[in-house]
Amino acid sequence: MSGAESLAVVETRSKTLSVTIDAPFERAWEFIADAANLHLWTVDFALSRPHRKGDVWVVDTPRGPLDLFVECDRRSGAIDFHFGRDGRFRRSPSRLRRSGRGVVYSFTVQEPDDTEPVVFERLVANVSAELARLRDLLEDR
């Protein structure tokens, strides 16, 4: 069997949304990369300020508590959110890039496994609203 024949193809949808924000990179980075701020800008995710529990943040969501950690690399602009339960995490990748006097923040929505297509569409709408909130919060500071 060739290598191509042994590969399993998993089809999931993803969509990357971006927003331009008229704010300095450092201010945007500090705000977005800090999990304690999630309740200020997420939609249908953090119901209140997340709290630390060991190496993770605990986020109270409409579907119950989730563990979360954030992997960041300032040089590349990567801010990747990892969330889950019982040691099993999914990743939501995002990137912050300098652009002129401001920044561009991009967030990739990935379709969760074993869900109805309407869930993906709702997640995309939520992220669109979150990016608008981020812009408003960071530009008003």
N, C-alpha and C. Protein backbone atom coordinates (compact mmCIF):
# COMPACT_ATOMS: atom_id res chain seq x y z
N MET A 1 0.84 -1.17 0.00
CA MET A 1 0.00 0.00 0.00
C MET A 1 0.89 1.24 0.00
N SER A 2 0.58 2.19 -0.83
CA SER A 2 1.36 3.42 -0.90
C SER A 2 0.98 4.33 0.26
N GLY A 3 1.81 5.33 0.51
CA GLY A 3 1.55 6.29 1.59
C GLY A 3 0.23 7.01 1.41
N ALA A 4 -0.11 7.33 0.17
CA ALA A 4 -1.37 8.03 -0.10
C ALA A 4 -2.57 7.17 0.23
N GLU A 5 -2.45 5.88 0.00
CA GLU A 5 -3.58 4.99 0.28
C GLU A 5 -3.80 4.79 1.77
N SER A 6 -2.78 5.02 2.58
CA SER A 6 -2.91 4.79 4.02
C SER A 6 -3.41 6.03 4.77
N LEU A 7 -3.52 7.16 4.09
CA LEU A 7 -3.96 8.38 4.74
C LEU A 7 -5.48 8.42 4.84
N ALA A 8 -5.97 8.71 6.01
CA ALA A 8 -7.41 8.90 6.20
C ALA A 8 -7.71 10.37 6.01
N VAL A 9 -8.70 10.67 5.22
CA VAL A 9 -9.08 12.05 4.96
C VAL A 9 -10.22 12.42 5.90
N VAL A 10 -10.00 13.46 6.68
CA VAL A 10 -11.01 13.96 7.59
C VAL A 10 -11.41 15.34 7.09
N GLU A 11 -12.67 15.47 6.76
CA GLU A 11 -13.13 16.75 6.24
C GLU A 11 -13.81 17.55 7.33
N THR A 12 -13.21 18.67 7.67
CA THR A 12 -13.82 19.61 8.59
C THR A 12 -13.73 20.98 7.95
N ARG A 13 -14.73 21.76 8.21
CA ARG A 13 -14.71 23.11 7.68
C ARG A 13 -13.98 24.03 8.63
N SER A 14 -13.39 25.07 8.06
CA SER A 14 -12.79 26.13 8.87
C SER A 14 -12.97 27.44 8.12
N LYS A 15 -12.96 28.50 8.89
CA LYS A 15 -13.07 29.83 8.30
C LYS A 15 -12.25 30.79 9.15
N THR A 16 -11.43 31.60 8.49
CA THR A 16 -10.62 32.58 9.19
C THR A 16 -11.23 33.96 8.98
N LEU A 17 -11.50 34.62 10.10
CA LEU A 17 -12.06 35.96 10.08
C LEU A 17 -11.02 36.92 10.64
N SER A 18 -11.01 38.15 10.16
CA SER A 18 -10.02 39.14 10.59
C SER A 18 -10.68 40.48 10.83
N VAL A 19 -10.01 41.27 11.66
CA VAL A 19 -10.46 42.62 11.93
C VAL A 19 -9.23 43.52 12.02
N THR A 20 -9.34 44.72 11.48
CA THR A 20 -8.30 45.73 11.62
C THR A 20 -8.66 46.59 12.82
N ILE A 21 -7.68 46.79 13.69
CA ILE A 21 -7.89 47.54 14.92
C ILE A 21 -6.88 48.68 15.00
N ASP A 22 -7.37 49.86 15.22
CA ASP A 22 -6.50 51.04 15.33
C ASP A 22 -6.02 51.15 16.77
N ALA A 23 -5.06 50.29 17.11
CA ALA A 23 -4.48 50.27 18.45
C ALA A 23 -3.05 49.75 18.32
N PRO A 24 -2.17 50.17 19.22
CA PRO A 24 -0.78 49.68 19.17
C PRO A 24 -0.72 48.17 19.41
N PHE A 25 0.25 47.53 18.77
CA PHE A 25 0.43 46.08 18.88
C PHE A 25 0.52 45.65 20.34
N GLU A 26 1.36 46.31 21.13
CA GLU A 26 1.58 45.89 22.52
C GLU A 26 0.29 45.91 23.33
N ARG A 27 -0.51 46.94 23.17
CA ARG A 27 -1.77 47.03 23.93
C ARG A 27 -2.72 45.91 23.49
N ALA A 28 -2.83 45.68 22.18
CA ALA A 28 -3.71 44.63 21.68
C ALA A 28 -3.20 43.26 22.14
N TRP A 29 -1.90 43.04 22.07
CA TRP A 29 -1.31 41.76 22.48
C TRP A 29 -1.62 41.48 23.94
N GLU A 30 -1.35 42.44 24.81
CA GLU A 30 -1.56 42.23 26.25
C GLU A 30 -3.02 41.91 26.56
N PHE A 31 -3.94 42.54 25.88
CA PHE A 31 -5.36 42.32 26.14
C PHE A 31 -5.84 40.96 25.62
N ILE A 32 -5.54 40.66 24.36
CA ILE A 32 -6.05 39.44 23.73
C ILE A 32 -5.39 38.19 24.34
N ALA A 33 -4.09 38.24 24.60
CA ALA A 33 -3.37 37.06 25.09
C ALA A 33 -3.68 36.74 26.55
N ASP A 34 -4.31 37.65 27.26
CA ASP A 34 -4.63 37.44 28.68
C ASP A 34 -6.00 36.77 28.81
N ALA A 35 -6.01 35.50 29.19
CA ALA A 35 -7.27 34.75 29.31
C ALA A 35 -8.22 35.38 30.31
N ALA A 36 -7.72 36.16 31.25
CA ALA A 36 -8.59 36.82 32.23
C ALA A 36 -9.54 37.82 31.58
N ASN A 37 -9.27 38.22 30.34
CA ASN A 37 -10.11 39.19 29.63
C ASN A 37 -11.18 38.54 28.75
N LEU A 38 -11.20 37.24 28.64
CA LEU A 38 -12.12 36.58 27.71
C LEU A 38 -13.58 36.98 27.90
N HIS A 39 -14.00 37.15 29.12
CA HIS A 39 -15.41 37.49 29.38
C HIS A 39 -15.78 38.87 28.85
N LEU A 40 -14.78 39.69 28.58
CA LEU A 40 -15.04 41.05 28.08
C LEU A 40 -15.32 41.08 26.58
N TRP A 41 -14.88 40.05 25.86
CA TRP A 41 -15.04 40.13 24.41
C TRP A 41 -15.61 38.88 23.75
N THR A 42 -15.72 37.76 24.44
CA THR A 42 -16.26 36.57 23.79
C THR A 42 -17.79 36.55 23.83
N VAL A 43 -18.35 35.81 22.89
CA VAL A 43 -19.80 35.66 22.76
C VAL A 43 -20.13 34.19 22.99
N ASP A 44 -21.04 33.91 23.89
CA ASP A 44 -21.47 32.53 24.15
C ASP A 44 -20.29 31.65 24.57
N PHE A 45 -19.37 32.23 25.35
CA PHE A 45 -18.24 31.44 25.84
C PHE A 45 -17.99 31.75 27.31
N ALA A 46 -17.25 32.77 27.64
CA ALA A 46 -16.93 33.08 29.04
C ALA A 46 -18.04 33.92 29.65
N LEU A 47 -18.75 33.33 30.62
CA LEU A 47 -19.85 34.03 31.27
C LEU A 47 -19.37 35.01 32.33
N SER A 48 -18.17 34.77 32.86
CA SER A 48 -17.58 35.63 33.88
C SER A 48 -16.07 35.58 33.73
N ARG A 49 -15.39 36.36 34.53
CA ARG A 49 -13.92 36.38 34.45
C ARG A 49 -13.37 34.99 34.75
N PRO A 50 -12.57 34.40 33.86
CA PRO A 50 -11.95 33.10 34.13
C PRO A 50 -11.04 33.17 35.36
N HIS A 51 -10.87 32.04 36.03
CA HIS A 51 -9.98 32.02 37.19
C HIS A 51 -8.94 30.91 37.04
N ARG A 52 -7.79 31.16 37.65
CA ARG A 52 -6.67 30.21 37.56
C ARG A 52 -6.91 29.02 38.46
N LYS A 53 -6.53 27.85 37.96
CA LYS A 53 -6.53 26.62 38.75
C LYS A 53 -5.31 25.84 38.30
N GLY A 54 -4.23 25.99 39.02
CA GLY A 54 -2.98 25.34 38.62
C GLY A 54 -2.45 25.94 37.33
N ASP A 55 -2.22 25.08 36.34
CA ASP A 55 -1.64 25.52 35.06
C ASP A 55 -2.67 25.96 34.04
N VAL A 56 -3.95 25.89 34.38
CA VAL A 56 -5.00 26.26 33.43
C VAL A 56 -5.90 27.34 34.00
N TRP A 57 -6.66 27.93 33.11
CA TRP A 57 -7.75 28.83 33.49
C TRP A 57 -9.03 28.00 33.46
N VAL A 58 -9.94 28.28 34.36
CA VAL A 58 -11.25 27.66 34.33
C VAL A 58 -12.22 28.72 33.82
N VAL A 59 -12.93 28.37 32.74
CA VAL A 59 -13.87 29.29 32.11
C VAL A 59 -15.28 28.76 32.32
N ASP A 60 -16.13 29.56 32.93
CA ASP A 60 -17.54 29.18 33.08
C ASP A 60 -18.25 29.53 31.79
N THR A 61 -18.73 28.51 31.07
CA THR A 61 -19.39 28.71 29.78
C THR A 61 -20.86 28.30 29.91
N PRO A 62 -21.69 28.63 28.93
CA PRO A 62 -23.09 28.20 28.96
C PRO A 62 -23.25 26.67 28.98
N ARG A 63 -22.21 25.95 28.56
CA ARG A 63 -22.27 24.48 28.54
C ARG A 63 -21.46 23.85 29.66
N GLY A 64 -21.16 24.64 30.68
CA GLY A 64 -20.41 24.14 31.83
C GLY A 64 -18.97 24.61 31.80
N PRO A 65 -18.22 24.34 32.87
CA PRO A 65 -16.84 24.81 32.96
C PRO A 65 -15.92 24.09 31.97
N LEU A 66 -14.97 24.85 31.44
CA LEU A 66 -13.93 24.32 30.56
C LEU A 66 -12.58 24.74 31.10
N ASP A 67 -11.58 23.88 30.91
CA ASP A 67 -10.20 24.25 31.19
C ASP A 67 -9.65 24.92 29.94
N LEU A 68 -8.76 25.89 30.14
CA LEU A 68 -8.20 26.64 29.01
C LEU A 68 -6.76 27.01 29.32
N PHE A 69 -5.93 26.91 28.31
CA PHE A 69 -4.60 27.52 28.40
C PHE A 69 -4.32 28.20 27.06
N VAL A 70 -3.42 29.18 27.10
CA VAL A 70 -3.10 29.99 25.93
C VAL A 70 -1.63 29.83 25.62
N GLU A 71 -1.33 29.44 24.37
CA GLU A 71 0.05 29.38 23.89
C GLU A 71 0.29 30.62 23.05
N CYS A 72 1.31 31.38 23.41
CA CYS A 72 1.59 32.64 22.71
C CYS A 72 3.03 32.70 22.24
N ASP A 73 3.21 33.36 21.11
CA ASP A 73 4.54 33.65 20.59
C ASP A 73 4.48 35.06 20.01
N ARG A 74 4.96 36.02 20.77
CA ARG A 74 4.87 37.43 20.37
C ARG A 74 5.54 37.68 19.02
N ARG A 75 6.66 37.00 18.76
CA ARG A 75 7.39 37.25 17.51
C ARG A 75 6.56 36.89 16.28
N SER A 76 5.85 35.75 16.33
CA SER A 76 5.03 35.34 15.19
C SER A 76 3.60 35.89 15.28
N GLY A 77 3.23 36.38 16.46
CA GLY A 77 1.88 36.88 16.66
C GLY A 77 0.87 35.80 17.01
N ALA A 78 1.34 34.58 17.25
CA ALA A 78 0.43 33.47 17.55
C ALA A 78 -0.15 33.61 18.95
N ILE A 79 -1.48 33.51 19.02
CA ILE A 79 -2.20 33.44 20.28
C ILE A 79 -3.20 32.29 20.09
N ASP A 80 -2.82 31.12 20.56
CA ASP A 80 -3.63 29.93 20.34
C ASP A 80 -4.31 29.52 21.65
N PHE A 81 -5.64 29.45 21.60
CA PHE A 81 -6.45 29.10 22.75
C PHE A 81 -6.72 27.59 22.72
N HIS A 82 -6.41 26.91 23.82
CA HIS A 82 -6.65 25.47 23.95
C HIS A 82 -7.69 25.29 25.05
N PHE A 83 -8.78 24.61 24.75
CA PHE A 83 -9.85 24.47 25.73
C PHE A 83 -10.41 23.06 25.70
N GLY A 84 -10.88 22.60 26.86
CA GLY A 84 -11.45 21.26 26.92
C GLY A 84 -11.74 20.82 28.33
N ARG A 85 -11.93 19.52 28.46
CA ARG A 85 -12.22 18.90 29.76
C ARG A 85 -11.42 17.61 29.88
N ASP A 86 -11.15 17.24 31.10
CA ASP A 86 -10.51 15.95 31.39
C ASP A 86 -9.22 15.73 30.62
N GLY A 87 -8.44 16.80 30.43
CA GLY A 87 -7.16 16.69 29.74
C GLY A 87 -7.23 16.57 28.24
N ARG A 88 -8.43 16.66 27.66
CA ARG A 88 -8.59 16.60 26.20
C ARG A 88 -8.92 18.01 25.71
N PHE A 89 -8.05 18.56 24.86
CA PHE A 89 -8.18 19.94 24.43
C PHE A 89 -8.36 20.06 22.93
N ARG A 90 -9.15 21.06 22.54
CA ARG A 90 -9.24 21.50 21.13
C ARG A 90 -8.49 22.82 21.06
N ARG A 91 -8.07 23.19 19.86
CA ARG A 91 -7.29 24.42 19.69
C ARG A 91 -8.03 25.38 18.76
N SER A 92 -8.03 26.64 19.19
CA SER A 92 -8.53 27.72 18.34
C SER A 92 -7.35 28.65 18.05
N PRO A 93 -6.80 28.57 16.84
CA PRO A 93 -5.64 29.39 16.51
C PRO A 93 -6.02 30.82 16.14
N SER A 94 -5.18 31.75 16.55
CA SER A 94 -5.37 33.14 16.14
C SER A 94 -4.01 33.80 15.98
N ARG A 95 -3.99 34.92 15.27
CA ARG A 95 -2.75 35.64 15.02
C ARG A 95 -3.01 37.15 15.09
N LEU A 96 -2.01 37.84 15.64
CA LEU A 96 -2.04 39.30 15.71
C LEU A 96 -0.85 39.81 14.91
N ARG A 97 -1.12 40.70 13.94
CA ARG A 97 -0.05 41.22 13.08
C ARG A 97 -0.09 42.75 13.08
N ARG A 98 1.08 43.33 13.02
CA ARG A 98 1.17 44.78 12.88
C ARG A 98 0.69 45.17 11.49
N SER A 99 0.03 46.32 11.41
CA SER A 99 -0.46 46.81 10.12
C SER A 99 -0.56 48.33 10.19
N GLY A 100 0.39 49.00 9.57
CA GLY A 100 0.39 50.45 9.64
C GLY A 100 0.51 50.90 11.09
N ARG A 101 -0.40 51.77 11.53
CA ARG A 101 -0.39 52.25 12.92
C ARG A 101 -1.12 51.29 13.86
N GLY A 102 -1.80 50.33 13.31
CA GLY A 102 -2.60 49.43 14.13
C GLY A 102 -2.21 47.98 13.97
N VAL A 103 -3.23 47.12 14.09
CA VAL A 103 -3.00 45.68 14.00
C VAL A 103 -4.14 45.03 13.22
N VAL A 104 -3.88 43.82 12.76
CA VAL A 104 -4.91 42.96 12.20
C VAL A 104 -4.93 41.71 13.08
N TYR A 105 -6.12 41.37 13.58
CA TYR A 105 -6.28 40.17 14.39
C TYR A 105 -7.11 39.18 13.59
N SER A 106 -6.58 37.96 13.42
CA SER A 106 -7.25 36.90 12.67
C SER A 106 -7.51 35.71 13.60
N PHE A 107 -8.70 35.14 13.47
CA PHE A 107 -9.11 34.01 14.31
C PHE A 107 -9.70 32.96 13.38
N THR A 108 -9.24 31.72 13.53
CA THR A 108 -9.74 30.63 12.69
C THR A 108 -10.76 29.81 13.46
N VAL A 109 -11.95 29.71 12.89
CA VAL A 109 -13.03 28.89 13.46
C VAL A 109 -12.94 27.53 12.79
N GLN A 110 -12.92 26.48 13.61
CA GLN A 110 -12.87 25.13 13.08
C GLN A 110 -14.14 24.39 13.48
N GLU A 111 -14.69 23.66 12.54
CA GLU A 111 -15.92 22.92 12.81
C GLU A 111 -15.65 21.81 13.82
N PRO A 112 -16.40 21.80 14.93
CA PRO A 112 -16.22 20.72 15.91
C PRO A 112 -16.62 19.37 15.32
N ASP A 113 -15.97 18.32 15.78
CA ASP A 113 -16.30 16.96 15.34
C ASP A 113 -17.72 16.61 15.77
N ASP A 114 -18.39 15.82 14.95
CA ASP A 114 -19.70 15.25 15.29
C ASP A 114 -20.73 16.28 15.72
N THR A 115 -20.81 17.40 14.99
CA THR A 115 -21.84 18.40 15.29
C THR A 115 -22.65 18.69 14.03
N GLU A 116 -23.79 19.26 14.25
CA GLU A 116 -24.64 19.67 13.14
C GLU A 116 -24.01 20.86 12.43
N PRO A 117 -24.23 21.00 11.12
CA PRO A 117 -23.66 22.14 10.38
C PRO A 117 -24.06 23.50 10.96
N VAL A 118 -25.23 23.58 11.57
CA VAL A 118 -25.68 24.86 12.12
C VAL A 118 -24.76 25.33 13.25
N VAL A 119 -24.10 24.40 13.94
CA VAL A 119 -23.18 24.77 15.02
C VAL A 119 -22.01 25.57 14.46
N PHE A 120 -21.45 25.12 13.35
CA PHE A 120 -20.34 25.83 12.72
C PHE A 120 -20.77 27.23 12.31
N GLU A 121 -21.94 27.35 11.70
CA GLU A 121 -22.42 28.67 11.27
C GLU A 121 -22.60 29.60 12.47
N ARG A 122 -23.07 29.07 13.60
CA ARG A 122 -23.24 29.88 14.80
C ARG A 122 -21.88 30.32 15.35
N LEU A 123 -20.90 29.41 15.31
CA LEU A 123 -19.56 29.77 15.78
C LEU A 123 -18.95 30.89 14.93
N VAL A 124 -19.13 30.81 13.62
CA VAL A 124 -18.62 31.86 12.73
C VAL A 124 -19.28 33.20 13.06
N ALA A 125 -20.59 33.19 13.27
CA ALA A 125 -21.29 34.43 13.63
C ALA A 125 -20.80 34.97 14.97
N ASN A 126 -20.57 34.08 15.93
CA ASN A 126 -20.06 34.51 17.24
C ASN A 126 -18.68 35.16 17.11
N VAL A 127 -17.78 34.54 16.35
CA VAL A 127 -16.44 35.10 16.19
C VAL A 127 -16.50 36.45 15.47
N SER A 128 -17.38 36.60 14.51
CA SER A 128 -17.55 37.88 13.85
C SER A 128 -17.95 38.96 14.87
N ALA A 129 -18.87 38.64 15.75
CA ALA A 129 -19.29 39.58 16.79
C ALA A 129 -18.15 39.84 17.78
N GLU A 130 -17.37 38.81 18.09
CA GLU A 130 -16.25 38.98 19.02
C GLU A 130 -15.18 39.91 18.44
N LEU A 131 -14.90 39.79 17.16
CA LEU A 131 -13.90 40.65 16.54
C LEU A 131 -14.36 42.11 16.57
N ALA A 132 -15.65 42.34 16.36
CA ALA A 132 -16.18 43.70 16.45
C ALA A 132 -16.06 44.23 17.88
N ARG A 133 -16.34 43.39 18.87
CA ARG A 133 -16.18 43.80 20.28
C ARG A 133 -14.74 44.14 20.59
N LEU A 134 -13.81 43.31 20.13
CA LEU A 134 -12.40 43.59 20.36
C LEU A 134 -12.01 44.94 19.78
N ARG A 135 -12.41 45.18 18.56
CA ARG A 135 -12.09 46.46 17.93
C ARG A 135 -12.63 47.60 18.78
N ASP A 136 -13.89 47.52 19.19
CA ASP A 136 -14.48 48.59 19.99
C ASP A 136 -13.75 48.77 21.32
N LEU A 137 -13.44 47.67 21.99
CA LEU A 137 -12.74 47.75 23.28
C LEU A 137 -11.35 48.34 23.15
N LEU A 138 -10.59 47.88 22.17
CA LEU A 138 -9.21 48.32 22.03
C LEU A 138 -9.06 49.71 21.43
N GLU A 139 -9.99 50.11 20.61
CA GLU A 139 -9.92 51.45 20.03
C GLU A 139 -10.40 52.51 21.00
N ASP A 140 -11.23 52.13 21.98
CA ASP A 140 -11.74 53.08 22.97
C ASP A 140 -10.77 53.32 24.11
N ARG A 141 -9.77 52.47 24.28
CA ARG A 141 -8.85 52.60 25.43
C ARG A 141 -7.96 53.78 25.30
